[in-house]
């Protein structure tokens, strides 16, 4: 049975009228690798992905077929924030969000999938009863 969140667990309300921006913790790239965000240092021997987010109007302009064709030429990644990131050098970086990540090992990717699966289940358990009640 899901627990009621404590005040300590509840997110603070945004201070301004600006919508909260999600942090990109990880991204799944068209090379099949899962990349974790890093800030301090790159773990030795790990492949690196640096990508710049498409703007919302660009995403609307491209069809799924366009994005798939683009992914054949350049590495694309879907970030945990919902943005599509295009590898560095393929688009102009000016004014775009950036994601820098290192490739997960097979063990790390498996563990991340397990954690995400559990989180998705917990979210489903919370959301569907509310949706039915509405």
C-alpha atoms as a PDB file:
ATOM      1  CA  UNK A   1       0.000   0.000   0.000  1.00  0.00           C
ATOM      2  CA  UNK A   2       1.505   3.400  -0.957  1.00  0.00           C
ATOM      3  CA  UNK A   3       2.466   5.642   1.912  1.00  0.00           C
ATOM      4  CA  UNK A   4       1.342   9.208   2.289  1.00  0.00           C
ATOM      5  CA  UNK A   5       4.358  11.462   1.622  1.00  0.00           C
ATOM      6  CA  UNK A   6       5.699  13.223   4.683  1.00  0.00           C
ATOM      7  CA  UNK A   7       6.268  16.967   4.663  1.00  0.00           C
ATOM      8  CA  UNK A   8       9.958  16.215   4.387  1.00  0.00           C
ATOM      9  CA  UNK A   9       9.341  14.224   1.183  1.00  0.00           C
ATOM     10  CA  UNK A  10       7.010  16.783  -0.404  1.00  0.00           C
ATOM     11  CA  UNK A  11       8.604  19.017  -3.037  1.00  0.00           C
ATOM     12  CA  UNK A  12       8.849  22.699  -2.244  1.00  0.00           C
ATOM     13  CA  UNK A  13       6.629  25.015  -4.256  1.00  0.00           C
ATOM     14  CA  UNK A  14       8.426  26.985  -6.979  1.00  0.00           C
ATOM     15  CA  UNK A  15       9.319  30.481  -5.818  1.00  0.00           C
ATOM     16  CA  UNK A  16       8.568  32.198  -9.112  1.00  0.00           C
ATOM     17  CA  UNK A  17       5.863  31.845 -11.728  1.00  0.00           C
ATOM     18  CA  UNK A  18       8.390  30.036 -13.933  1.00  0.00           C
ATOM     19  CA  UNK A  19       7.638  26.329 -14.416  1.00  0.00           C
ATOM     20  CA  UNK A  20      10.079  23.971 -12.739  1.00  0.00           C
ATOM     21  CA  UNK A  21      12.721  22.584 -15.062  1.00  0.00           C
ATOM     22  CA  UNK A  22      13.567  18.906 -14.874  1.00  0.00           C
ATOM     23  CA  UNK A  23      17.150  17.855 -14.536  1.00  0.00           C
ATOM     24  CA  UNK A  24      18.402  15.337 -17.082  1.00  0.00           C
ATOM     25  CA  UNK A  25      19.826  12.505 -15.008  1.00  0.00           C
ATOM     26  CA  UNK A  26      20.210  10.039 -17.863  1.00  0.00           C
ATOM     27  CA  UNK A  27      19.618   9.630 -21.586  1.00  0.00           C
ATOM     28  CA  UNK A  28      19.058   6.632 -23.847  1.00  0.00           C
ATOM     29  CA  UNK A  29      20.949   7.149 -27.104  1.00  0.00           C
ATOM     30  CA  UNK A  30      20.485   5.823 -30.617  1.00  0.00           C
ATOM     31  CA  UNK A  31      23.714   3.822 -30.203  1.00  0.00           C
ATOM     32  CA  UNK A  32      21.808   1.664 -27.692  1.00  0.00           C
ATOM     33  CA  UNK A  33      23.740   2.937 -24.681  1.00  0.00           C
ATOM     34  CA  UNK A  34      22.387   4.465 -21.514  1.00  0.00           C
ATOM     35  CA  UNK A  35      24.314   7.575 -20.473  1.00  0.00           C
ATOM     36  CA  UNK A  36      24.388   8.960 -16.934  1.00  0.00           C
ATOM     37  CA  UNK A  37      24.879  12.678 -16.343  1.00  0.00           C
ATOM     38  CA  UNK A  38      28.132  13.742 -14.713  1.00  0.00           C
ATOM     39  CA  UNK A  39      29.351  17.047 -13.380  1.00  0.00           C
ATOM     40  CA  UNK A  40      32.734  16.485 -11.793  1.00  0.00           C
ATOM     41  CA  UNK A  41      34.797  13.879 -13.572  1.00  0.00           C
ATOM     42  CA  UNK A  42      34.368  11.331 -16.301  1.00  0.00           C
ATOM     43  CA  UNK A  43      34.953   7.760 -15.111  1.00  0.00           C
ATOM     44  CA  UNK A  44      38.055   6.423 -16.886  1.00  0.00           C
ATOM     45  CA  UNK A  45      37.507   4.440 -20.063  1.00  0.00           C
ATOM     46  CA  UNK A  46      33.830   5.303 -20.469  1.00  0.00           C
ATOM     47  CA  UNK A  47      32.417   6.600 -23.758  1.00  0.00           C
ATOM     48  CA  UNK A  48      31.097  10.160 -23.505  1.00  0.00           C
ATOM     49  CA  UNK A  49      27.980  11.677 -25.047  1.00  0.00           C
ATOM     50  CA  UNK A  50      27.567  15.436 -25.286  1.00  0.00           C
ATOM     51  CA  UNK A  51      24.315  16.542 -26.840  1.00  0.00           C
ATOM     52  CA  UNK A  52      22.244  19.670 -27.293  1.00  0.00           C
ATOM     53  CA  UNK A  53      18.457  19.701 -26.906  1.00  0.00           C
ATOM     54  CA  UNK A  54      16.154  20.352 -29.813  1.00  0.00           C
ATOM     55  CA  UNK A  55      13.786  23.250 -29.187  1.00  0.00           C
ATOM     56  CA  UNK A  56      10.086  22.387 -28.858  1.00  0.00           C
ATOM     57  CA  UNK A  57       9.235  24.009 -32.197  1.00  0.00           C
ATOM     58  CA  UNK A  58      11.929  21.897 -33.900  1.00  0.00           C
ATOM     59  CA  UNK A  59      10.506  18.695 -32.425  1.00  0.00           C
ATOM     60  CA  UNK A  60       7.031  19.615 -33.707  1.00  0.00           C
ATOM     61  CA  UNK A  61       8.410  20.406 -37.157  1.00  0.00           C
ATOM     62  CA  UNK A  62      10.125  17.008 -37.570  1.00  0.00           C
ATOM     63  CA  UNK A  63       8.189  13.785 -38.075  1.00  0.00           C
ATOM     64  CA  UNK A  64       9.204  10.518 -36.417  1.00  0.00           C
ATOM     65  CA  UNK A  65      10.596   9.426 -39.808  1.00  0.00           C
ATOM     66  CA  UNK A  66      12.715  12.598 -39.963  1.00  0.00           C
ATOM     67  CA  UNK A  67      14.130  11.948 -36.495  1.00  0.00           C
ATOM     68  CA  UNK A  68      14.860   8.301 -37.336  1.00  0.00           C
ATOM     69  CA  UNK A  69      16.648   9.340 -40.528  1.00  0.00           C
ATOM     70  CA  UNK A  70      18.624  11.906 -38.554  1.00  0.00           C
ATOM     71  CA  UNK A  71      19.539   9.220 -36.008  1.00  0.00           C
ATOM     72  CA  UNK A  72      21.155   7.225 -38.810  1.00  0.00           C
ATOM     73  CA  UNK A  73      23.569  10.097 -39.428  1.00  0.00           C
ATOM     74  CA  UNK A  74      24.001  11.525 -35.931  1.00  0.00           C
ATOM     75  CA  UNK A  75      23.647  10.148 -32.454  1.00  0.00           C
ATOM     76  CA  UNK A  76      20.375  11.214 -30.801  1.00  0.00           C
ATOM     77  CA  UNK A  77      19.390  10.640 -27.190  1.00  0.00           C
ATOM     78  CA  UNK A  78      16.092  10.829 -25.335  1.00  0.00           C
ATOM     79  CA  UNK A  79      16.745  12.489 -21.995  1.00  0.00           C
ATOM     80  CA  UNK A  80      14.973  11.704 -18.747  1.00  0.00           C
ATOM     81  CA  UNK A  81      13.656  15.277 -18.938  1.00  0.00           C
ATOM     82  CA  UNK A  82      11.775  14.413 -22.150  1.00  0.00           C
ATOM     83  CA  UNK A  83      14.096  16.362 -24.447  1.00  0.00           C
ATOM     84  CA  UNK A  84      15.748  14.995 -27.579  1.00  0.00           C
ATOM     85  CA  UNK A  85      19.484  15.646 -27.524  1.00  0.00           C
ATOM     86  CA  UNK A  86      21.537  15.739 -30.728  1.00  0.00           C
ATOM     87  CA  UNK A  87      25.231  14.947 -30.571  1.00  0.00           C
ATOM     88  CA  UNK A  88      27.678  17.808 -30.302  1.00  0.00           C
ATOM     89  CA  UNK A  89      28.694  19.248 -33.658  1.00  0.00           C
ATOM     90  CA  UNK A  90      25.511  18.232 -35.503  1.00  0.00           C
ATOM     91  CA  UNK A  91      23.526  21.359 -34.570  1.00  0.00           C
ATOM     92  CA  UNK A  92      24.307  24.863 -33.346  1.00  0.00           C
ATOM     93  CA  UNK A  93      24.717  24.781 -29.554  1.00  0.00           C
ATOM     94  CA  UNK A  94      23.737  28.424 -29.028  1.00  0.00           C
ATOM     95  CA  UNK A  95      20.826  28.807 -26.586  1.00  0.00           C
ATOM     96  CA  UNK A  96      20.268  25.078 -26.105  1.00  0.00           C
ATOM     97  CA  UNK A  97      20.246  22.892 -23.011  1.00  0.00           C
ATOM     98  CA  UNK A  98      23.240  20.578 -22.872  1.00  0.00           C
ATOM     99  CA  UNK A  99      23.545  17.012 -21.588  1.00  0.00           C
ATOM    100  CA  UNK A 100      26.928  15.490 -20.779  1.00  0.00           C
ATOM    101  CA  UNK A 101      26.917  11.832 -19.862  1.00  0.00           C
ATOM    102  CA  UNK A 102      29.092   8.752 -19.621  1.00  0.00           C
ATOM    103  CA  UNK A 103      28.037   5.321 -20.865  1.00  0.00           C
ATOM    104  CA  UNK A 104      26.692   2.935 -18.257  1.00  0.00           C
ATOM    105  CA  UNK A 105      28.194  -0.502 -17.869  1.00  0.00           C
ATOM    106  CA  UNK A 106      25.895  -3.468 -18.564  1.00  0.00           C
ATOM    107  CA  UNK A 107      25.461  -3.948 -14.811  1.00  0.00           C
ATOM    108  CA  UNK A 108      24.629  -0.267 -14.224  1.00  0.00           C
ATOM    109  CA  UNK A 109      22.135  -0.246 -17.094  1.00  0.00           C
ATOM    110  CA  UNK A 110      20.439  -3.385 -15.737  1.00  0.00           C
ATOM    111  CA  UNK A 111      20.190  -1.890 -12.252  1.00  0.00           C
ATOM    112  CA  UNK A 112      18.818   1.385 -13.660  1.00  0.00           C
ATOM    113  CA  UNK A 113      16.159  -0.536 -15.625  1.00  0.00           C
ATOM    114  CA  UNK A 114      15.110  -2.360 -12.449  1.00  0.00           C
ATOM    115  CA  UNK A 115      14.839   0.890 -10.494  1.00  0.00           C
ATOM    116  CA  UNK A 116      12.857   2.588 -13.291  1.00  0.00           C
ATOM    117  CA  UNK A 117      10.529  -0.397 -13.561  1.00  0.00           C
ATOM    118  CA  UNK A 118       9.819  -0.244  -9.826  1.00  0.00           C
ATOM    119  CA  UNK A 119       9.292   3.534  -9.958  1.00  0.00           C
ATOM    120  CA  UNK A 120       6.914   3.228 -12.918  1.00  0.00           C
ATOM    121  CA  UNK A 121       4.869   0.631 -11.032  1.00  0.00           C
ATOM    122  CA  UNK A 122       4.659   2.877  -7.948  1.00  0.00           C
ATOM    123  CA  UNK A 123       3.575   5.837 -10.065  1.00  0.00           C
ATOM    124  CA  UNK A 124       0.923   3.707 -11.771  1.00  0.00           C
ATOM    125  CA  UNK A 125      -0.425   2.566  -8.402  1.00  0.00           C
ATOM    126  CA  UNK A 126      -0.791   6.219  -7.352  1.00  0.00           C
ATOM    127  CA  UNK A 127      -2.139   7.692 -10.594  1.00  0.00           C
ATOM    128  CA  UNK A 128      -4.786   5.218 -11.782  1.00  0.00           C
ATOM    129  CA  UNK A 129      -7.019   5.345  -8.674  1.00  0.00           C
ATOM    130  CA  UNK A 130      -7.000   9.153  -8.891  1.00  0.00           C
ATOM    131  CA  UNK A 131      -7.769   9.010 -12.602  1.00  0.00           C
ATOM    132  CA  UNK A 132     -10.700   6.635 -12.016  1.00  0.00           C
ATOM    133  CA  UNK A 133     -12.036   8.865  -9.221  1.00  0.00           C
ATOM    134  CA  UNK A 134     -11.931  11.991 -11.412  1.00  0.00           C
END
